[in-house]
Structures are given as C-alpha cells and as structure tokens.
N, C-alpha and C. Protein backbone atom coordinates (compact mmCIF):
# COMPACT_ATOMS: atom_id res chain seq x y z
N UNK A 1 -3.45 14.39 -21.69
CA UNK A 1 -3.17 13.21 -20.70
C UNK A 1 -3.85 13.12 -19.59
N UNK A 2 -4.10 11.92 -19.44
CA UNK A 2 -5.01 11.47 -18.20
C UNK A 2 -3.94 10.84 -17.19
N UNK A 3 -4.04 11.49 -15.78
CA UNK A 3 -3.04 10.92 -14.77
C UNK A 3 -4.27 10.25 -13.83
N UNK A 4 -3.76 8.79 -13.52
CA UNK A 4 -4.42 7.96 -12.62
C UNK A 4 -3.63 7.94 -11.22
N UNK A 5 -4.30 8.23 -9.98
CA UNK A 5 -3.50 8.02 -9.03
C UNK A 5 -4.29 6.97 -7.95
N UNK A 6 -3.66 6.04 -7.68
CA UNK A 6 -4.16 5.07 -6.61
C UNK A 6 -3.87 5.18 -5.25
N UNK A 7 -2.83 6.00 -5.00
CA UNK A 7 -2.29 6.20 -3.56
C UNK A 7 -1.32 5.23 -3.19
N UNK A 8 -1.30 4.99 -1.98
CA UNK A 8 -0.20 4.26 -1.55
C UNK A 8 -0.43 2.89 -0.30
N UNK A 9 -1.93 2.78 -0.39
CA UNK A 9 -2.48 1.91 0.36
C UNK A 9 -1.78 0.53 -0.11
N UNK A 10 -1.79 -0.47 0.95
CA UNK A 10 -1.18 -1.81 0.51
C UNK A 10 -2.19 -2.50 -0.03
N UNK A 11 -3.46 -2.36 -0.02
CA UNK A 11 -4.48 -3.25 -0.56
C UNK A 11 -4.50 -2.69 -2.02
N UNK A 12 -4.41 -3.75 -2.94
CA UNK A 12 -4.69 -3.58 -4.33
C UNK A 12 -6.06 -2.81 -4.73
N UNK A 13 -6.06 -2.14 -5.82
CA UNK A 13 -7.07 -1.29 -6.42
C UNK A 13 -7.20 -1.65 -7.99
N UNK A 14 -7.38 -2.86 -8.27
CA UNK A 14 -7.57 -3.23 -9.64
C UNK A 14 -8.74 -2.92 -10.20
N UNK A 15 -9.92 -2.85 -9.44
CA UNK A 15 -11.17 -2.37 -10.14
C UNK A 15 -11.18 -1.18 -11.08
N UNK A 16 -10.49 -0.02 -10.55
CA UNK A 16 -10.51 1.10 -11.18
C UNK A 16 -9.79 0.97 -12.42
N UNK A 17 -8.43 0.11 -12.40
CA UNK A 17 -7.69 0.13 -13.50
C UNK A 17 -8.33 -0.94 -14.64
N UNK A 18 -9.24 -1.80 -14.13
CA UNK A 18 -9.95 -2.65 -15.02
C UNK A 18 -10.94 -1.74 -15.92
N UNK A 19 -11.64 -0.85 -15.08
CA UNK A 19 -12.59 0.06 -15.67
C UNK A 19 -11.73 0.80 -16.84
N UNK A 20 -10.68 1.31 -16.57
CA UNK A 20 -9.80 2.18 -17.57
C UNK A 20 -9.23 1.27 -18.64
N UNK A 21 -8.75 0.07 -18.40
CA UNK A 21 -8.29 -0.80 -19.46
C UNK A 21 -9.52 -1.23 -20.30
N UNK A 22 -10.66 -1.37 -19.81
CA UNK A 22 -11.87 -1.96 -20.60
C UNK A 22 -12.61 -0.59 -21.39
N UNK A 23 -11.90 0.61 -21.17
CA UNK A 23 -12.88 1.76 -21.65
C UNK A 23 -12.30 1.98 -23.16
N UNK A 24 -13.13 3.01 -23.66
CA UNK A 24 -12.75 3.46 -24.98
C UNK A 24 -11.75 4.65 -24.90
N UNK A 25 -11.23 5.09 -23.90
CA UNK A 25 -10.23 6.22 -23.70
C UNK A 25 -9.06 6.03 -24.55
N UNK A 26 -8.95 7.21 -25.34
CA UNK A 26 -8.00 7.25 -26.18
C UNK A 26 -6.83 8.25 -26.08
N UNK A 27 -6.85 8.98 -24.94
CA UNK A 27 -5.86 9.92 -24.27
C UNK A 27 -4.75 9.02 -23.70
N UNK A 28 -3.34 9.66 -23.68
CA UNK A 28 -2.27 9.10 -23.03
C UNK A 28 -2.79 8.68 -21.63
N UNK A 29 -2.52 7.79 -20.84
CA UNK A 29 -2.79 7.49 -19.48
C UNK A 29 -1.39 6.95 -18.97
N UNK A 30 -1.34 7.98 -17.80
CA UNK A 30 -0.22 7.59 -16.90
C UNK A 30 -0.69 7.29 -15.38
N UNK A 31 -0.27 6.08 -14.82
CA UNK A 31 -0.81 5.62 -13.64
C UNK A 31 0.17 5.59 -12.63
N UNK A 32 0.01 6.13 -11.40
CA UNK A 32 0.71 6.05 -10.14
C UNK A 32 -0.12 4.79 -9.44
N UNK A 33 0.43 3.63 -9.41
CA UNK A 33 -0.45 2.36 -9.06
C UNK A 33 -0.14 2.08 -7.53
N UNK A 34 1.16 2.46 -6.81
CA UNK A 34 1.31 2.25 -5.54
C UNK A 34 1.81 0.68 -5.37
N UNK A 35 0.90 0.04 -4.54
CA UNK A 35 1.04 -1.45 -4.41
C UNK A 35 0.10 -2.29 -5.36
N UNK A 36 -0.43 -1.59 -6.23
CA UNK A 36 -1.41 -2.38 -7.20
C UNK A 36 -0.51 -2.68 -8.26
N UNK A 37 -0.40 -4.18 -8.57
CA UNK A 37 0.30 -4.67 -9.69
C UNK A 37 -0.60 -5.12 -10.77
N UNK A 38 -0.35 -4.38 -12.01
CA UNK A 38 -1.12 -4.36 -13.27
C UNK A 38 -0.58 -4.56 -14.42
N UNK A 39 -0.67 -5.21 -15.41
CA UNK A 39 -0.19 -5.21 -16.82
C UNK A 39 -1.35 -4.71 -17.62
N UNK A 40 -1.00 -3.64 -18.55
CA UNK A 40 -1.86 -3.02 -19.46
C UNK A 40 -1.26 -2.85 -20.81
N UNK A 41 -2.21 -2.65 -21.94
CA UNK A 41 -1.70 -2.30 -22.94
C UNK A 41 -1.90 -0.90 -23.29
N UNK A 42 -2.59 -0.11 -22.40
CA UNK A 42 -3.03 1.10 -22.81
C UNK A 42 -2.51 2.25 -21.83
N UNK A 43 -1.92 1.71 -20.79
CA UNK A 43 -1.60 2.68 -19.58
C UNK A 43 -0.14 2.54 -19.34
N UNK A 44 0.49 3.59 -19.13
CA UNK A 44 2.03 3.59 -18.63
C UNK A 44 1.81 3.63 -17.05
N UNK A 45 2.24 2.53 -16.45
CA UNK A 45 2.17 2.22 -15.03
C UNK A 45 3.51 2.38 -14.26
N UNK A 46 3.46 3.26 -13.14
CA UNK A 46 4.61 3.29 -12.23
C UNK A 46 4.17 2.96 -10.97
N UNK A 47 5.00 2.32 -10.02
CA UNK A 47 4.61 1.77 -8.65
C UNK A 47 4.35 3.33 -7.95
N UNK A 48 5.43 4.19 -7.73
CA UNK A 48 5.56 5.29 -6.96
C UNK A 48 6.05 6.42 -7.60
N UNK A 49 5.78 7.48 -7.66
CA UNK A 49 6.14 8.74 -8.28
C UNK A 49 6.43 9.71 -7.38
N UNK A 50 7.68 10.19 -7.36
CA UNK A 50 8.26 11.24 -6.25
C UNK A 50 7.16 12.58 -6.21
N UNK A 51 7.29 13.35 -5.28
CA UNK A 51 6.60 14.48 -5.11
C UNK A 51 6.72 15.61 -6.21
N UNK A 52 7.99 15.80 -6.56
CA UNK A 52 8.40 16.83 -7.58
C UNK A 52 7.75 16.19 -9.04
N UNK A 53 7.91 15.01 -9.35
CA UNK A 53 7.32 14.45 -10.59
C UNK A 53 5.75 14.48 -10.64
N UNK A 54 5.24 14.00 -9.37
CA UNK A 54 4.01 13.90 -9.26
C UNK A 54 3.29 15.39 -9.53
N UNK A 55 3.77 16.43 -9.11
CA UNK A 55 3.43 17.79 -9.36
C UNK A 55 3.43 18.04 -10.78
N UNK A 56 4.45 17.84 -11.37
CA UNK A 56 4.53 18.10 -12.78
C UNK A 56 3.61 17.39 -13.46
N UNK A 57 3.29 16.24 -13.45
CA UNK A 57 2.31 15.41 -14.13
C UNK A 57 0.93 15.81 -14.13
N UNK A 58 0.74 16.37 -12.83
CA UNK A 58 -0.74 16.98 -12.34
C UNK A 58 -0.84 18.23 -13.26
N UNK A 59 0.21 19.12 -13.36
CA UNK A 59 0.34 20.35 -14.08
C UNK A 59 0.15 19.94 -15.61
N UNK A 60 0.53 18.71 -16.08
CA UNK A 60 0.62 18.48 -17.72
C UNK A 60 -0.82 17.81 -17.83
N UNK A 61 -1.58 17.12 -16.94
CA UNK A 61 -2.70 16.45 -17.13
C UNK A 61 -4.07 17.37 -17.36
N UNK A 62 -4.76 16.79 -18.46
CA UNK A 62 -6.11 17.49 -18.60
C UNK A 62 -7.19 16.94 -17.67
N UNK A 63 -6.72 15.53 -17.15
CA UNK A 63 -7.78 15.06 -16.17
C UNK A 63 -7.13 14.21 -15.06
N UNK A 64 -7.73 14.15 -13.85
CA UNK A 64 -7.25 13.17 -12.99
C UNK A 64 -8.17 12.30 -12.67
N UNK A 65 -7.86 11.10 -12.59
CA UNK A 65 -8.83 9.95 -12.01
C UNK A 65 -7.85 9.46 -10.98
N UNK A 66 -8.68 9.21 -9.91
CA UNK A 66 -8.08 8.80 -8.61
C UNK A 66 -8.95 8.05 -7.69
N UNK A 67 -8.23 7.56 -6.65
CA UNK A 67 -9.00 6.70 -5.54
C UNK A 67 -9.65 7.92 -4.55
N UNK A 68 -10.15 7.69 -3.66
CA UNK A 68 -10.95 8.69 -2.87
C UNK A 68 -10.05 9.24 -1.73
N UNK A 69 -8.78 9.23 -1.94
CA UNK A 69 -8.03 10.01 -0.81
C UNK A 69 -7.95 11.43 -0.76
N UNK A 70 -8.00 11.73 0.44
CA UNK A 70 -8.50 13.48 0.38
C UNK A 70 -7.27 14.17 -0.38
N UNK A 71 -5.92 13.87 0.03
CA UNK A 71 -4.72 14.33 -0.56
C UNK A 71 -4.82 14.13 -2.10
N UNK A 72 -5.08 13.00 -2.71
CA UNK A 72 -5.29 12.71 -4.11
C UNK A 72 -6.22 13.73 -4.75
N UNK A 73 -7.21 13.82 -4.00
CA UNK A 73 -8.27 14.83 -4.49
C UNK A 73 -7.88 16.25 -4.60
N UNK A 74 -7.48 16.76 -3.36
CA UNK A 74 -7.39 18.27 -3.22
C UNK A 74 -6.22 18.64 -4.13
N UNK A 75 -5.26 17.94 -4.08
CA UNK A 75 -3.68 18.61 -4.51
C UNK A 75 -4.27 19.01 -6.13
N UNK A 76 -4.85 18.20 -7.08
CA UNK A 76 -5.08 18.62 -8.17
C UNK A 76 -6.15 19.56 -8.39
N UNK A 77 -7.27 19.54 -7.36
CA UNK A 77 -8.02 20.54 -7.32
C UNK A 77 -7.63 21.93 -6.88
N UNK A 78 -6.61 22.16 -6.26
CA UNK A 78 -5.94 23.53 -6.02
C UNK A 78 -5.19 23.92 -7.20
N UNK A 79 -5.01 22.91 -8.12
CA UNK A 79 -4.37 23.37 -9.38
C UNK A 79 -5.25 23.60 -10.50
N UNK A 80 -6.61 23.62 -10.14
CA UNK A 80 -7.61 23.88 -11.17
C UNK A 80 -8.02 22.80 -11.94
N UNK A 81 -7.51 21.55 -11.78
CA UNK A 81 -7.80 20.47 -12.50
C UNK A 81 -9.04 19.57 -12.42
N UNK A 82 -9.41 18.97 -13.46
CA UNK A 82 -10.54 18.11 -13.46
C UNK A 82 -10.65 16.91 -12.76
N UNK A 83 -11.36 16.45 -11.93
CA UNK A 83 -11.05 15.07 -11.09
C UNK A 83 -12.20 14.20 -11.27
N UNK A 84 -11.95 13.02 -11.57
CA UNK A 84 -12.87 11.86 -11.05
C UNK A 84 -12.42 10.96 -10.12
N UNK A 85 -13.05 10.84 -9.13
CA UNK A 85 -12.66 9.89 -8.19
C UNK A 85 -13.49 8.68 -7.98
N UNK A 86 -12.93 7.55 -7.70
CA UNK A 86 -13.59 6.29 -7.56
C UNK A 86 -13.23 5.68 -6.07
N UNK A 87 -13.94 5.79 -4.99
CA UNK A 87 -13.59 5.33 -3.61
C UNK A 87 -13.20 3.88 -3.79
N UNK A 88 -12.07 3.77 -3.01
CA UNK A 88 -11.81 2.27 -2.27
C UNK A 88 -12.80 1.68 -1.45
N UNK A 89 -13.19 0.50 -1.66
CA UNK A 89 -14.15 0.07 -0.93
C UNK A 89 -13.80 -1.35 -0.09
N UNK A 90 -14.37 -1.11 1.05
CA UNK A 90 -14.06 -2.34 2.04
C UNK A 90 -14.35 -3.91 1.37
N UNK A 91 -15.66 -3.97 1.04
CA UNK A 91 -16.30 -5.15 0.24
C UNK A 91 -15.28 -5.75 -0.62
N UNK A 92 -14.51 -4.94 -1.40
CA UNK A 92 -13.71 -5.58 -2.33
C UNK A 92 -12.38 -5.63 -1.83
N UNK A 93 -12.11 -5.53 -0.39
CA UNK A 93 -10.76 -5.70 0.33
C UNK A 93 -9.62 -4.56 -0.37
N UNK A 94 -10.14 -3.42 -0.79
CA UNK A 94 -9.56 -2.21 -1.23
C UNK A 94 -9.05 -1.37 0.04
N UNK A 95 -9.61 -1.46 0.97
CA UNK A 95 -9.45 -0.42 2.26
C UNK A 95 -10.12 -1.21 3.28
N UNK A 96 -9.80 -0.66 4.39
CA UNK A 96 -10.22 -0.96 5.77
C UNK A 96 -11.57 -0.74 6.24
N UNK A 97 -12.08 0.34 5.46
CA UNK A 97 -13.44 0.73 5.90
C UNK A 97 -13.90 1.36 4.52
N UNK A 98 -15.04 2.05 4.69
CA UNK A 98 -15.59 2.86 3.38
C UNK A 98 -15.56 4.64 3.65
N UNK A 99 -14.40 5.04 4.46
CA UNK A 99 -14.61 6.45 4.58
C UNK A 99 -14.32 7.16 3.17
N UNK A 100 -13.53 6.45 2.28
CA UNK A 100 -13.33 7.16 0.94
C UNK A 100 -14.82 7.47 0.17
N UNK A 101 -15.85 6.55 0.44
CA UNK A 101 -16.92 6.73 -0.25
C UNK A 101 -17.58 7.93 0.36
N UNK A 102 -17.39 8.29 1.69
CA UNK A 102 -18.02 9.55 1.98
C UNK A 102 -17.29 10.77 1.68
N UNK A 103 -15.88 10.50 1.60
CA UNK A 103 -14.97 11.88 1.06
C UNK A 103 -15.51 12.07 -0.20
N UNK A 104 -15.53 11.24 -1.11
CA UNK A 104 -15.88 11.23 -2.63
C UNK A 104 -17.51 11.82 -2.75
N UNK A 105 -18.32 11.56 -1.92
CA UNK A 105 -19.48 11.92 -1.94
C UNK A 105 -19.54 13.26 -1.50
N UNK A 106 -18.97 13.84 -0.62
CA UNK A 106 -19.05 15.41 -0.16
C UNK A 106 -18.42 16.13 -1.24
N UNK A 107 -17.27 15.83 -1.76
CA UNK A 107 -16.57 16.71 -2.81
C UNK A 107 -17.60 16.74 -4.15
N UNK A 108 -18.11 15.37 -4.44
CA UNK A 108 -18.99 15.39 -5.41
C UNK A 108 -20.28 16.37 -5.56
N UNK A 109 -20.87 16.30 -4.09
CA UNK A 109 -22.14 17.07 -4.08
C UNK A 109 -21.90 18.48 -4.17
N UNK A 110 -20.81 18.98 -3.65
CA UNK A 110 -20.52 20.36 -3.97
C UNK A 110 -20.02 20.65 -5.39
N UNK A 111 -19.79 19.88 -6.10
CA UNK A 111 -19.49 20.09 -7.45
C UNK A 111 -18.14 20.30 -7.88
N UNK A 112 -17.26 19.98 -6.92
CA UNK A 112 -15.77 19.80 -7.23
C UNK A 112 -15.24 18.79 -8.21
N UNK A 113 -15.87 17.68 -8.30
CA UNK A 113 -15.31 16.39 -8.61
C UNK A 113 -16.61 15.58 -9.28
N UNK A 114 -16.42 14.83 -10.04
CA UNK A 114 -17.40 13.71 -10.56
C UNK A 114 -16.90 12.36 -9.84
N UNK A 115 -17.79 11.82 -9.24
CA UNK A 115 -17.53 10.43 -8.77
C UNK A 115 -17.86 9.32 -9.76
N UNK A 116 -17.10 8.25 -9.48
CA UNK A 116 -17.17 6.85 -10.43
C UNK A 116 -17.57 5.64 -9.45
N UNK A 117 -18.82 5.37 -9.72
CA UNK A 117 -19.33 4.19 -8.68
C UNK A 117 -19.19 3.06 -9.75
N UNK A 118 -19.30 1.82 -9.02
CA UNK A 118 -19.37 0.73 -9.68
C UNK A 118 -20.31 0.53 -10.88
N UNK A 119 -21.49 0.94 -11.01
CA UNK A 119 -22.46 0.95 -11.95
C UNK A 119 -22.28 1.96 -13.02
N UNK A 120 -21.17 2.73 -13.02
CA UNK A 120 -21.05 3.89 -14.04
C UNK A 120 -20.01 3.40 -14.94
N UNK A 121 -20.57 4.08 -16.12
CA UNK A 121 -19.73 3.80 -17.45
C UNK A 121 -18.71 4.98 -17.27
N UNK A 122 -17.51 4.55 -17.32
CA UNK A 122 -16.38 5.40 -17.16
C UNK A 122 -16.31 6.17 -18.53
N UNK A 123 -16.61 5.57 -19.86
CA UNK A 123 -16.57 6.42 -20.92
C UNK A 123 -17.34 7.74 -20.91
N UNK A 124 -18.67 7.41 -20.36
CA UNK A 124 -19.77 8.56 -20.09
C UNK A 124 -19.16 9.66 -19.18
N UNK A 125 -18.63 8.97 -17.95
CA UNK A 125 -18.43 10.10 -17.01
C UNK A 125 -17.24 10.89 -17.57
N UNK A 126 -16.14 10.17 -18.26
CA UNK A 126 -15.02 10.91 -18.77
C UNK A 126 -15.55 12.26 -19.78
N UNK A 127 -16.45 11.67 -20.60
CA UNK A 127 -16.84 12.61 -21.66
C UNK A 127 -17.83 13.73 -21.20
N UNK A 128 -18.38 13.50 -19.93
CA UNK A 128 -19.23 14.40 -19.17
C UNK A 128 -18.51 15.42 -18.68
N UNK A 129 -17.22 14.80 -18.05
CA UNK A 129 -16.63 15.81 -17.28
C UNK A 129 -15.62 16.71 -18.07
N UNK A 130 -15.28 16.34 -19.24
CA UNK A 130 -14.53 17.06 -20.29
C UNK A 130 -15.50 18.15 -20.81
N UNK A 131 -16.56 18.20 -20.79
CA UNK A 131 -17.44 19.17 -21.32
C UNK A 131 -17.98 19.97 -20.27
N UNK A 132 -17.69 19.63 -18.90
CA UNK A 132 -18.50 20.45 -17.98
C UNK A 132 -17.51 21.52 -17.42
N UNK A 133 -18.32 22.48 -16.76
CA UNK A 133 -17.37 23.57 -15.96
C UNK A 133 -17.60 23.19 -14.47
N UNK A 134 -16.32 22.97 -13.85
CA UNK A 134 -16.59 22.55 -12.33
C UNK A 134 -16.70 23.70 -11.39
N UNK A 135 -17.25 23.37 -10.43
CA UNK A 135 -17.06 24.28 -9.34
C UNK A 135 -15.65 24.71 -8.87
N UNK A 136 -15.29 26.10 -8.84
CA UNK A 136 -14.08 26.38 -8.29
C UNK A 136 -13.61 25.81 -6.68
N UNK A 137 -12.60 25.13 -6.64
CA UNK A 137 -12.39 24.63 -5.22
C UNK A 137 -11.74 25.85 -4.54
N UNK A 138 -12.48 25.88 -3.27
CA UNK A 138 -11.94 26.83 -2.25
C UNK A 138 -11.68 25.98 -0.87
N UNK A 139 -10.15 26.15 -0.55
CA UNK A 139 -9.95 25.48 0.41
C UNK A 139 -10.25 26.13 1.85
N UNK A 140 -10.70 25.53 2.87
CA UNK A 140 -11.05 26.04 4.13
C UNK A 140 -9.82 25.91 5.02
N UNK A 141 -8.63 25.69 4.60
CA UNK A 141 -7.51 25.31 5.28
C UNK A 141 -7.16 26.60 6.43
N UNK A 142 -7.32 27.80 5.96
CA UNK A 142 -7.01 29.04 6.48
C UNK A 142 -7.84 29.20 7.76
N UNK A 143 -9.27 28.94 7.50
CA UNK A 143 -10.32 28.95 8.63
C UNK A 143 -9.90 27.77 9.62
N UNK A 144 -9.42 26.73 8.95
CA UNK A 144 -9.47 25.51 10.09
C UNK A 144 -8.36 25.84 10.91
N UNK A 145 -7.27 26.32 10.30
CA UNK A 145 -6.21 26.70 11.17
C UNK A 145 -6.28 27.75 12.21
N UNK A 146 -7.07 28.68 11.75
CA UNK A 146 -7.33 29.74 12.72
C UNK A 146 -8.37 29.43 13.82
N UNK A 147 -9.15 28.28 13.72
CA UNK A 147 -9.92 27.62 14.73
C UNK A 147 -8.85 27.01 15.64
N UNK A 148 -8.05 26.10 15.12
CA UNK A 148 -7.26 25.25 15.61
C UNK A 148 -6.30 26.19 16.67
N UNK A 149 -5.62 27.31 16.21
CA UNK A 149 -4.83 28.32 17.10
C UNK A 149 -5.60 28.96 17.94
N UNK A 150 -7.01 29.20 17.69
CA UNK A 150 -7.76 29.84 18.93
C UNK A 150 -8.00 28.82 19.81
N UNK A 151 -8.41 27.64 19.67
CA UNK A 151 -8.34 26.45 20.52
C UNK A 151 -7.16 26.22 21.31
N UNK A 152 -5.95 26.43 20.90
CA UNK A 152 -4.64 26.19 21.53
C UNK A 152 -4.38 27.47 22.40
N UNK A 153 -4.79 28.57 21.96
CA UNK A 153 -4.59 29.87 22.61
C UNK A 153 -5.33 30.16 23.95
N UNK A 154 -6.65 29.33 23.77
CA UNK A 154 -7.49 29.63 24.97
C UNK A 154 -7.35 28.65 26.10
C-alpha cells in the first residue's frame, strides 16, 4: 500500500495527485488530501486522518509519497519507511514560499528520501525507490534539545 500525505495547508496540491492519477502505479493508494479536493479512479481519498489512524497507515504502508513538510517526512522516516517527497511550490499557488523545496533537497542529499520534481517520471521514481536501500534516518532532536537547554541555563 502507498500512503500519500498532502498536509493541512489551505492551498490545493493537485499537481502531485495528477502525477499519481496518471501513473502506472498498481498498488492500493490511500490519500490524506487535507484541503485539496480531488476525484480519483485509483486513489482512496480522505480530507483529514486523525493521528492514531495516520500512525497505523504509516505502519502498514510500503511507501509514503508526501509534500515537503518536515513532519510529513520525518514521521515515516522514524518508522524506517521509504519516502518520496514532492515540494509544494509558490509558483503554482501551493504554498506561500518555496521552503519545502529546500527541506526536500536537504533530506534527499543525505539519502533519507527521494525527491519528485516537476520533470520527474513518478513511475521511474517509485520503481527506483522500491529497489533502493535508503540511508537510515538519525534524528538530531536530542542534540538540538541539549543545545537549547544549555542556552536557557546560561
């Protein structure tokens, strides 16, 4: 099963769903679409999914395809899932700026995820990630929290 998460931004993100709808993907596809309204013949689409159900879906998924939100990327990585991320872009009215492009680039450069850009063939990216061994995600949260604590204590 493939889980697709679009986050909760008010701006629609039909570009990613169009890529999936027009793909040759045969897996079962469940989508958390947020505010993006979309009719599909191949995807099971929900507006919002509660936290517990989302955790369960991530556990069950073989692959996560998501927007470039940090939480939407990190949560499945912490569970050892393969992630493809497509950043929401300002030029398409999908977000207020292009910070997701930077986030996706950083995670991709270290080998945690595969990125999906406009010119990428989603079928090729999905096939490639399914065969790939990804870099194990290592969170920096503990170090970050200790730095904050040290700063507060000083």
